[in-house]
Protein backbone atom coordinates (compact mmCIF):
# COMPACT_ATOMS: atom_id res chain seq x y z
CA MET A 1 79.22 114.49 71.81
CA SER A 2 82.89 114.16 70.83
CA THR A 3 85.45 115.14 73.47
CA THR A 4 89.24 115.30 73.50
CA VAL A 5 91.38 115.87 76.60
CA ILE A 6 95.02 116.76 76.02
CA ASN A 7 97.75 116.96 78.65
CA THR A 8 100.48 119.34 77.55
CA LEU A 9 102.88 122.03 78.82
CA VAL A 10 103.25 125.78 78.54
CA SER A 11 106.24 126.15 76.22
CA GLU A 12 108.12 129.24 75.06
CA SER A 13 108.81 130.68 71.62
CA ARG A 14 111.05 133.72 71.15
CA SER A 15 110.70 134.58 74.86
CA VAL A 16 106.88 134.52 74.64
CA PRO A 17 104.84 131.73 76.30
CA ARG A 18 102.77 129.58 74.01
CA ILE A 19 100.34 126.68 73.98
CA TRP A 20 100.62 124.45 70.92
CA LEU A 21 97.83 122.05 69.91
CA GLU A 22 97.56 119.92 66.78
CA GLY A 23 96.36 116.61 65.38
CA LYS A 24 93.36 114.52 64.43
CA ARG A 25 92.37 114.59 68.11
CA LEU A 26 91.38 118.26 67.64
CA ALA A 27 89.24 117.47 64.63
CA HIS A 28 87.59 114.69 66.64
CA ALA A 29 86.27 117.32 69.07
CA GLY A 30 85.04 119.76 66.40
CA ILE A 31 88.04 122.00 65.69
CA GLU A 32 87.94 122.98 62.00
CA ILE A 33 90.73 124.36 59.85
CA GLY A 34 90.29 128.06 59.06
CA VAL A 35 88.06 128.93 62.03
CA GLN A 36 89.04 132.05 64.01
CA TYR A 37 89.06 131.84 67.82
CA VAL A 38 88.71 134.49 70.50
CA LEU A 39 90.73 134.10 73.71
CA ASN A 40 89.15 134.83 77.10
CA VAL A 41 91.17 134.70 80.34
CA SER A 42 89.49 134.14 83.72
CA LEU A 43 91.87 134.98 86.56
CA GLN A 44 89.23 133.95 89.09
CA LEU A 45 88.75 130.50 87.58
CA ARG A 46 92.42 130.36 86.54
CA ARG A 47 91.66 129.17 83.06
CA ILE A 48 91.80 130.20 79.41
CA GLU A 49 88.85 129.65 77.09
CA LEU A 50 88.89 129.73 73.28
CA ARG A 51 85.59 130.10 71.44
CA PRO A 52 84.87 130.59 67.73
CA ALA A 53 84.86 134.33 66.97
CA PRO A 54 81.45 135.81 66.21
CA GLN A 55 80.88 136.94 62.66
CA GLY A 56 82.31 140.41 62.12
CA PHE A 57 84.47 140.31 65.27
CA ALA A 58 87.25 142.93 64.93
CA GLY A 59 89.45 142.03 67.92
CA LYS A 60 92.46 139.77 68.20
CA THR A 61 91.86 136.20 67.07
CA TYR A 62 93.77 132.95 66.70
CA SER A 63 93.38 131.03 63.47
CA VAL A 64 93.23 127.25 63.15
CA SER A 65 95.84 126.46 60.51
CA LYS A 66 96.57 123.28 58.60
CA ARG A 67 99.37 120.78 59.23
CA THR A 68 99.94 118.12 56.54
CA ARG A 69 101.77 114.88 57.29
CA ASN A 70 101.87 111.75 55.17
CA GLU A 71 99.34 113.31 52.81
CA ARG A 72 96.87 113.86 55.64
CA SER A 73 95.81 117.28 56.92
CA TYR A 74 95.18 118.08 60.58
CA PRO A 75 94.12 121.24 62.42
CA LEU A 76 96.78 123.18 64.34
CA ILE A 77 96.31 126.10 66.71
CA GLU A 78 99.05 128.06 68.44
CA VAL A 79 98.19 130.39 71.31
CA ARG A 80 101.23 132.62 71.69
CA ASP A 81 100.61 135.51 74.07
CA ALA A 82 102.27 137.13 77.10
CA ILE A 83 98.90 137.04 78.87
CA ILE A 84 99.42 133.30 79.46
CA THR A 85 101.94 134.18 82.20
CA ASP A 86 99.14 135.81 84.20
CA LEU A 87 97.99 132.28 84.93
CA PHE A 88 100.76 129.81 84.16
CA LYS A 89 104.53 129.75 84.27
CA VAL A 90 106.50 128.26 81.40
CA GLY A 91 106.70 124.52 82.01
CA THR A 92 103.35 124.29 83.83
CA LYS A 93 101.43 121.11 83.10
CA LEU A 94 98.08 121.86 81.44
CA ARG A 95 94.77 120.12 80.91
CA VAL A 96 93.14 121.05 77.61
CA ALA A 97 89.51 119.98 77.22
CA VAL A 98 88.03 120.27 73.74
CA GLN A 99 84.34 119.74 73.04
CA LYS A 100 82.09 120.95 70.22
CA GLY A 101 84.81 123.25 68.97
CA ARG A 102 85.24 124.93 72.38
CA ILE A 103 88.65 124.80 74.07
CA ILE A 104 89.16 125.20 77.84
CA ILE A 105 92.72 125.34 79.16
CA SER A 106 93.47 124.97 82.87
CA ALA A 107 96.27 123.72 85.05
CA SER A 108 96.50 119.92 85.17
CA HIS A 109 95.50 118.22 88.39
CA ILE A 110 99.19 117.70 89.16
CA ALA A 111 99.98 121.40 88.69
CA MET A 112 97.00 122.30 90.86
CA ARG A 113 98.16 119.88 93.57
CA VAL A 114 101.64 121.40 93.46
CA GLN A 115 100.20 124.89 93.84
CA GLU A 116 97.92 123.75 96.67
CA ARG A 117 100.76 122.29 98.72
CA VAL A 118 102.97 125.33 98.08
CA THR A 119 100.24 127.71 99.24
CA ARG A 120 99.40 125.62 102.29
CA PHE A 121 103.04 125.26 103.34
CA LEU A 122 103.89 128.95 102.89
CA ASP A 123 100.78 129.99 104.83
CA LYS A 124 101.87 127.84 107.77
CA LEU A 125 105.42 129.12 107.53
CA LYS A 126 104.20 132.73 107.54
CA ASN A 127 101.86 132.19 110.50
CA GLY A 128 104.27 130.03 112.51
CA THR A 129 101.80 127.14 112.52
CA PRO A 130 103.31 123.67 113.21
CA LEU A 131 103.67 121.50 110.13
CA HIS A 132 101.57 118.34 109.87
CA VAL A 133 103.58 115.15 109.38
CA VAL A 134 102.54 111.74 108.06
CA SER A 135 104.79 109.09 109.55
CA LEU A 136 104.69 105.77 107.71
CA PHE A 137 106.23 102.60 109.17
CA HIS A 138 106.53 104.68 112.36
CA GLY A 139 108.17 102.05 114.57
CA GLY A 140 109.04 103.57 117.94
CA GLY A 141 109.21 107.07 116.47
CA VAL A 142 113.00 107.37 116.35
CA LEU A 143 113.20 108.86 112.85
CA ASP A 144 110.34 111.24 113.56
CA LYS A 145 111.82 112.49 116.82
CA ALA A 146 115.18 113.11 115.15
CA LEU A 147 113.67 115.04 112.23
CA HIS A 148 111.39 116.93 114.62
CA GLN A 149 114.33 117.99 116.81
CA GLY A 150 116.44 118.92 113.82
CA MET A 151 113.76 121.14 112.28
CA GLN A 152 113.10 122.69 115.66
CA LEU A 153 116.75 123.83 115.81
CA SER A 154 115.82 126.32 113.07
CA LYS A 155 112.44 127.09 114.63
CA LEU A 156 110.39 124.95 112.25
CA ALA A 157 107.76 123.29 114.43
CA SER A 158 105.96 120.06 113.54
CA TYR A 159 103.99 117.15 114.94
CA VAL A 160 102.67 113.81 113.74
CA LYS A 161 99.23 114.30 112.26
CA ILE A 162 98.98 110.66 111.10
CA GLY A 163 101.17 107.79 112.31
CA VAL A 164 100.95 104.34 110.71
CA GLU A 165 102.59 101.31 112.33
CA LEU A 166 101.94 97.57 112.14
CA ASP A 167 103.24 96.62 115.61
CA GLY A 168 101.07 97.79 118.51
CA ASP A 169 103.91 97.67 121.05
CA TYR A 170 106.01 99.99 118.92
CA ILE A 171 103.33 102.63 118.42
CA ASP A 172 102.34 102.44 122.11
CA SER A 173 105.96 103.07 123.05
CA SER A 174 106.11 106.15 120.82
CA LEU A 175 102.89 107.54 122.25
CA ALA A 176 104.27 107.11 125.77
CA ASN A 177 107.84 108.24 125.16
CA ASN A 178 107.42 110.88 122.43
CA PRO A 179 104.83 113.28 123.88
CA GLU A 180 106.16 116.18 121.80
CA LEU A 181 105.33 114.32 118.56
CA TRP A 182 101.64 113.83 119.26
CA ARG A 183 98.61 116.07 119.83
CA GLU A 184 94.93 115.52 120.49
CA ASP A 185 94.12 115.72 116.80
CA SER A 186 96.81 113.18 115.86
CA ILE A 187 95.51 110.07 114.12
CA VAL A 188 97.04 106.72 115.09
CA ILE A 189 96.68 103.80 112.69
CA ASN A 190 97.84 100.45 114.06
CA GLY A 191 97.75 97.89 111.27
CA ASP A 192 99.15 96.74 107.97
CA ILE A 193 99.53 99.78 105.71
CA ARG A 194 98.16 97.69 102.84
CA ASP A 195 94.86 97.29 104.68
CA VAL A 196 94.28 101.02 105.25
CA ASN A 197 91.67 102.56 102.97
CA ILE A 198 92.97 106.05 102.23
CA LEU A 199 90.77 106.80 99.23
CA GLY A 200 87.65 108.85 99.90
CA ASN A 201 88.12 108.83 103.68
CA GLY A 202 88.88 112.48 104.24
CA ILE A 203 92.60 111.96 104.84
CA PRO A 204 94.13 115.28 105.98
CA GLN A 205 96.61 117.09 103.76
CA VAL A 206 100.06 117.38 105.31
CA GLU A 207 103.29 119.29 104.84
CA VAL A 208 105.82 116.51 105.50
CA LEU A 209 105.73 112.77 104.81
CA CYS A 210 108.50 110.56 106.16
CA GLY A 211 109.21 106.88 106.54
CA GLY A 212 111.62 104.06 105.97
CA VAL A 213 110.07 101.53 103.62
CA PRO A 214 110.79 98.12 105.24
CA CYS A 215 114.04 96.81 103.78
CA THR A 216 113.78 93.09 104.54
CA GLY A 217 114.20 92.17 100.89
CA ALA A 218 116.71 94.89 100.03
CA SER A 219 119.38 94.24 102.66
CA ARG A 220 122.06 91.74 101.77
CA ALA A 221 121.16 89.52 104.72
CA GLY A 222 117.47 89.58 103.82
CA ALA A 223 118.11 88.78 100.16
CA VAL A 224 120.31 85.80 101.04
CA LYS A 225 118.03 84.48 103.76
CA ASN A 226 114.89 84.70 101.61
CA LYS A 227 116.65 83.60 98.38
CA LEU A 228 115.48 86.70 96.52
CA SER A 229 116.66 87.82 93.12
CA CYS A 230 115.39 91.34 93.84
CA ALA A 231 113.98 93.25 96.82
CA GLU A 232 110.51 93.44 95.28
CA GLU A 233 110.14 89.64 95.49
CA HIS A 234 109.83 89.72 99.29
CA SER A 235 106.37 88.43 100.22
CA THR A 236 105.50 91.18 102.72
CA ALA A 237 107.93 94.08 102.25
CA GLY A 238 108.53 93.88 98.51
CA THR A 239 105.62 96.02 97.32
CA LEU A 240 105.31 98.46 100.25
CA PHE A 241 106.92 101.22 98.21
CA HIS A 242 103.67 101.30 96.25
CA ASP A 243 101.70 102.11 99.42
CA TYR A 244 104.30 104.71 100.35
CA LEU A 245 103.72 106.46 97.02
CA GLU A 246 99.93 106.23 97.37
CA TRP A 247 100.19 108.10 100.67
CA VAL A 248 102.27 110.77 98.95
CA LYS A 249 99.60 111.17 96.26
CA VAL A 250 96.69 111.35 98.72
CA THR A 251 98.22 113.58 101.44
CA ASN A 252 100.11 115.87 99.02
CA PRO A 253 103.08 116.79 101.26
CA ALA A 254 105.45 119.60 100.35
CA ILE A 255 108.45 117.64 101.61
CA VAL A 256 109.03 113.88 101.41
CA VAL A 257 111.72 112.04 103.38
CA LEU A 258 112.73 108.42 102.78
CA GLU A 259 115.44 106.35 104.47
CA ASN A 260 116.56 102.82 103.74
CA VAL A 261 119.53 100.50 103.51
CA VAL A 262 122.19 101.56 101.02
CA GLU A 263 121.34 98.61 98.74
CA TYR A 264 117.86 100.10 98.22
CA GLN A 265 119.47 102.86 96.15
CA LYS A 266 119.89 100.48 93.20
CA SER A 267 116.59 98.65 93.59
CA SER A 268 113.75 98.71 91.07
CA ALA A 269 111.50 100.10 93.80
CA MET A 270 113.74 103.13 94.26
CA THR A 271 113.77 103.69 90.51
CA VAL A 272 109.96 103.78 90.57
CA ILE A 273 109.93 106.10 93.60
CA ARG A 274 112.25 108.57 91.88
CA SER A 275 110.20 108.52 88.68
CA VAL A 276 106.82 108.98 90.38
CA LEU A 277 107.97 111.75 92.72
CA THR A 278 109.61 113.64 89.86
CA HIS A 279 106.40 113.38 87.82
CA LEU A 280 104.44 114.72 90.81
CA GLY A 281 106.56 117.87 90.76
CA TYR A 282 109.21 117.18 93.39
CA GLU A 283 112.94 117.83 93.19
CA LEU A 284 114.98 114.99 94.69
CA SER A 285 118.25 114.92 96.59
CA GLU A 286 119.94 111.74 97.82
CA THR A 287 122.95 110.84 99.90
CA VAL A 288 124.38 108.00 101.95
CA LEU A 289 124.62 108.99 105.60
CA ASP A 290 127.66 107.60 107.41
CA GLY A 291 127.07 107.03 111.13
CA PRO A 292 130.57 107.76 112.51
CA SER A 293 130.92 110.92 110.39
CA LEU A 294 127.66 112.16 111.88
CA GLY A 295 128.32 111.29 115.51
CA SER A 296 127.65 107.60 116.16
CA LEU A 297 129.79 104.67 117.31
CA GLU A 298 127.72 102.27 115.21
CA LYS A 299 129.16 102.04 111.71
CA ARG A 300 125.82 102.18 109.98
CA LYS A 301 125.36 103.69 106.52
CA ARG A 302 121.89 104.67 105.41
CA LEU A 303 120.34 105.94 102.20
CA CYS A 304 118.50 109.23 102.70
CA MET A 305 116.30 110.93 100.11
CA VAL A 306 114.62 114.31 100.56
CA ALA A 307 112.12 115.54 97.98
CA THR A 308 111.16 119.22 98.01
CA THR A 309 108.64 121.31 96.08
CA PRO A 310 109.72 124.24 93.87
CA GLY A 311 107.96 127.38 95.08
CA ILE A 312 108.81 126.52 98.67
CA CYS A 313 112.53 125.97 98.34
CA GLY A 314 115.15 124.46 96.09
CA PRO A 315 116.46 120.92 96.47
CA VAL A 316 118.34 120.01 99.64
CA ASP A 317 122.12 120.25 99.26
CA PHE A 318 123.64 117.43 101.30
CA GLU A 319 127.07 119.01 100.83
CA GLN A 320 125.90 121.47 103.50
CA LEU A 321 124.96 118.78 106.03
CA VAL A 322 126.61 119.63 109.36
CA PRO A 323 127.04 117.08 112.21
CA VAL A 324 125.29 117.94 115.47
CA ARG A 325 127.68 115.97 117.65
CA GLN A 326 131.07 114.25 117.67
CA LYS A 327 131.21 110.55 118.35
CA GLU A 328 132.92 109.16 121.42
CA GLU A 329 136.56 108.11 121.10
CA LYS A 330 135.95 104.47 121.90
CA LEU A 331 133.16 101.99 122.54
CA ALA A 332 133.99 101.75 126.25
CA ASP A 333 132.77 105.33 126.68
CA VAL A 334 129.15 104.17 126.40
CA LEU A 335 129.36 100.75 128.09
CA ASP A 336 127.91 100.03 131.51
CA PHE A 337 129.77 98.19 134.25
CA VAL A 338 128.64 94.56 134.36
CA PRO A 339 129.78 92.52 137.41
CA VAL A 340 131.82 89.35 136.83
CA ASP A 341 129.06 87.23 138.37
CA SER A 342 126.34 88.62 136.08
CA ASP A 343 124.39 86.07 134.06
CA ARG A 344 124.90 88.32 131.03
CA TRP A 345 128.34 86.77 130.56
CA LYS A 346 127.96 83.58 128.52
CA SER A 347 130.21 81.23 126.60
CA TYR A 348 128.17 81.12 123.38
CA ASP A 349 129.98 77.91 122.42
CA TYR A 350 127.54 77.27 119.56
CA LEU A 351 128.55 80.56 117.92
CA ALA A 352 132.24 79.69 118.18
CA THR A 353 131.48 76.32 116.60
CA LYS A 354 129.47 78.00 113.82
CA GLU A 355 132.31 80.43 113.10
CA THR A 356 134.76 77.53 112.71
CA ARG A 357 132.31 75.75 110.41
CA ASP A 358 131.71 78.90 108.34
CA LYS A 359 135.43 79.47 107.91
CA ALA A 360 135.96 75.90 106.80
CA SER A 361 133.21 76.21 104.18
CA GLY A 362 134.62 79.52 102.90
CA LYS A 363 131.66 81.66 103.98
CA GLY A 364 133.86 84.18 105.76
CA PHE A 365 131.37 84.93 108.56
CA MET A 366 133.23 86.04 111.68
CA ARG A 367 132.12 87.04 115.15
CA GLN A 368 132.48 90.64 116.31
CA LEU A 369 134.19 90.14 119.66
CA LEU A 370 134.93 93.60 121.05
CA THR A 371 136.80 94.74 124.15
CA GLY A 372 135.56 98.33 124.26
CA GLU A 373 138.81 99.84 123.05
CA GLU A 374 137.55 99.94 119.46
CA ASP A 375 136.53 103.24 117.84
CA GLY A 376 133.08 101.86 117.10
CA CYS A 377 131.11 98.73 116.29
CA GLY A 378 129.29 97.07 113.41
CA VAL A 379 125.56 97.27 112.79
CA LEU A 380 123.10 95.97 115.39
CA GLY A 381 119.98 94.77 113.60
CA ARG A 382 116.35 94.22 114.53
CA GLY A 383 117.02 90.67 115.74
CA TYR A 384 120.02 91.56 117.89
CA ALA A 385 118.44 89.97 120.99
CA LYS A 386 118.72 86.58 119.25
CA ALA A 387 122.52 86.69 119.71
CA ARG A 388 123.41 86.25 116.05
CA SER A 389 126.92 85.30 115.03
CA THR A 390 128.10 88.38 113.14
CA GLU A 391 126.78 91.16 115.40
CA PRO A 392 128.77 92.88 118.19
CA PHE A 393 129.53 91.10 121.47
CA ILE A 394 131.53 92.49 124.39
CA VAL A 395 134.29 90.16 125.63
CA ALA A 396 134.45 89.70 129.40
CA PRO A 397 137.55 91.45 130.80
CA HIS A 398 137.92 88.68 133.40
CA ASP A 399 137.50 85.71 131.03
CA SER A 400 138.10 85.87 127.26
CA ASN A 401 135.91 82.78 126.76
CA LEU A 402 132.85 84.71 127.91
CA SER A 403 131.03 87.54 126.16
CA ARG A 404 127.73 89.41 126.29
CA LEU A 405 125.31 91.37 124.15
CA LEU A 406 125.05 95.11 124.50
CA THR A 407 122.19 96.11 126.77
CA PRO A 408 119.27 98.02 125.24
CA ALA A 409 120.60 101.22 126.81
CA GLU A 410 124.05 100.62 125.30
CA HIS A 411 122.43 99.79 121.98
CA ALA A 412 120.65 103.15 122.08
CA ARG A 413 123.88 104.97 122.88
CA VAL A 414 125.87 103.56 119.96
CA LYS A 415 123.08 104.82 117.69
CA THR A 416 122.87 108.16 119.62
CA ILE A 417 119.17 107.43 120.31
CA PRO A 418 117.76 108.93 123.55
CA GLU A 419 117.37 106.09 126.04
CA ASN A 420 113.94 107.30 127.13
CA LEU A 421 112.56 106.19 123.74
CA ILE A 422 112.70 102.57 124.87
CA GLU A 423 111.37 103.05 128.41
CA GLY A 424 108.81 100.41 129.36
CA LEU A 425 109.85 97.94 126.67
CA SER A 426 111.20 94.44 127.19
CA ALA A 427 114.82 93.92 126.17
CA THR A 428 113.75 91.99 123.07
CA THR A 429 111.28 94.63 121.90
CA ALA A 430 113.71 97.44 122.73
CA HIS A 431 116.38 95.84 120.55
CA GLU A 432 113.80 95.46 117.75
CA VAL A 433 112.83 99.14 117.90
CA LEU A 434 116.47 100.23 118.00
CA GLY A 435 117.79 97.70 115.49
CA GLN A 436 115.45 98.84 112.71
CA SER A 437 115.96 102.52 113.49
CA VAL A 438 118.31 105.19 112.19
CA ILE A 439 121.37 106.94 113.56
CA PHE A 440 119.57 109.58 115.59
CA SER A 441 122.17 112.33 115.30
CA ALA A 442 122.36 111.85 111.52
CA PHE A 443 118.68 112.60 111.06
CA ILE A 444 118.75 115.52 113.49
CA ALA A 445 121.28 116.96 111.04
CA VAL A 446 118.97 116.14 108.11
CA GLY A 447 116.00 117.79 109.85
CA GLU A 448 118.05 120.90 110.55
CA LEU A 449 119.23 121.05 106.92
CA ILE A 450 115.63 120.75 105.68
CA ALA A 451 114.53 123.62 107.92
CA LYS A 452 117.47 125.79 106.86
CA THR A 453 116.74 125.07 103.19
CA VAL A 454 113.09 126.03 103.62
CA LYS A 455 114.02 129.24 105.45
CA GLY A 456 116.75 130.19 103.01
CA LEU A 457 119.52 129.86 105.60
CA VAL A 458 121.81 127.86 103.30
CA GLU A 459 123.13 128.50 99.82
CA PRO A 460 120.61 127.13 97.29
CA LEU A 461 121.63 124.07 95.30
CA LYS A 462 121.99 125.09 91.67
CA ASN A 463 121.76 121.59 90.18
CA THR A 464 118.10 120.54 90.38
CA ASN A 465 118.69 117.00 89.17
CA VAL A 466 118.58 113.99 91.48
CA ALA A 467 121.72 114.15 93.61
CA GLN A 468 123.02 110.67 94.27
CA GLN A 469 126.11 111.05 96.42
CA GLU A 470 127.46 107.57 96.92
CA GLU A 471 129.29 106.77 100.15
CA THR A 472 129.40 110.29 101.56
CA ALA A 473 127.68 112.14 104.31
CA GLY A 474 128.84 115.60 103.32
CA PRO A 475 131.68 117.61 104.84
CA VAL A 476 132.50 116.98 108.48
CA GLU A 477 133.03 120.40 109.99
CA THR A 478 133.75 121.32 113.59
CA PRO A 479 130.83 119.59 115.31
CA LYS A 480 128.43 121.19 117.71
CA GLN A 481 128.89 119.84 121.20
CA ALA A 482 125.54 120.79 122.66
CA PRO A 483 122.76 118.21 122.32
CA ALA A 484 119.74 119.09 120.26
CA PRO A 485 117.03 120.77 122.38
CA GLN A 486 113.62 119.26 122.88
CA ALA A 487 110.94 120.86 120.74
CA ASN A 488 108.78 123.36 122.62
CA ILE A 489 105.49 121.62 121.99
CA ALA A 490 103.04 120.81 124.73
CA PRO A 491 102.54 117.12 125.64
CA ALA A 492 99.51 115.52 124.08
CA THR A 493 96.89 113.11 125.27
CA MET A 494 96.18 109.81 123.50
CA PRO A 495 94.99 110.49 119.91
CA LEU A 496 91.22 110.42 119.70
CA PHE A 497 90.63 109.67 116.03
CA ALA A 498 91.02 106.65 113.78
CA LEU A 499 90.44 106.03 110.11
CA THR A 500 88.25 103.47 108.49
CA ALA A 501 90.47 100.57 107.37
């Protein structure tokens, strides 16, 4: 039994939709030149079927013609009919199955998945049902809380349906400090994302997927430290983009959000992510979010990508990103009073010695010794508690030879992260959660822009190509002074379900 399966598209000829099939592959499955075919459309099954016309049939038929190339003849059939639009739009991906001279045309599995997520999302939007979110590399839930609050500003409710995080302390902190993100039907997965079996395990479909693929190999510091020629070489983080994409394929979200270091924008992994998401039917928008422009004292830039699904909304226009707060005038505005006799004040002589050595060797590494009068500070990373040489220190006002690290609460403030998100954590763990997080106010703005785009509250972006806006966070308009409200979602108990890993 010879079978041919062809993946093709609905095209257009003289303003009429058409399906064009040709080649030896048709002959392989029994299509013969000169045979007349009858077209039957099933709206219920959403498919078109072509069968050989019975002898003496007087209705409309489609003839299999001959195409000759390189002295070889092949069958060719063109179905050109306005009735095609009853089922498929021009550009729809199709699956054409040919067997024993019978042709069945239906939407490809990708087109069907696109339609499924559009229908599901619009139904929830119409009914006011909270959107389900998959949160990958969840950490302490900072990104999720920011997006959640931002979407809630435009009355788009959501909660974490599935949260995946390697570190148990981080996910425990989010469960305790982010009650509005979790519900009784939320699924918590504590483990390596590569060890989670998501195929055939009844993974729920969701409306939003978000996460920051670990950037250990993409950041400049990580690449130098690990002697990597590319981010994908990193032994643990290098291939995690693959798992990220597998979750997109399985959970079929309508909206996908990714954040990462700016260097990730030019990585091979990001090239693959763009290609796969585009093939799956998403429209991508990218920008680089600048912390100070969006309300933070920390001078952190972050790549942000939002992928949306046509049929729900157009692509996100980052030119319409509006800050939700204005940053403080100077660093001192968020610093606590630390007594002169506090053991926080230290000499850090070894760092001074290292700086002198680095200068002599031409490395150019310098300490960030700040008084509080500065208009901001450099980036505080995941290992900030280790007192590393190039991260911010506060100089003692009573003795310039002494300095201290920012406290976890101060660290949260320079990133605009609510301090309650690190309640119950040790200083080291709190700095880890904060150091690998995002500028909170920046992603509130992103969440609000997503919700406004979905609800048609912003001008649609006309250019549907990938928008890569290097080194810009969009226009800085008169900022809103009021803090973002907490989402009106009832607190949840500890999630009751787990998946087979």
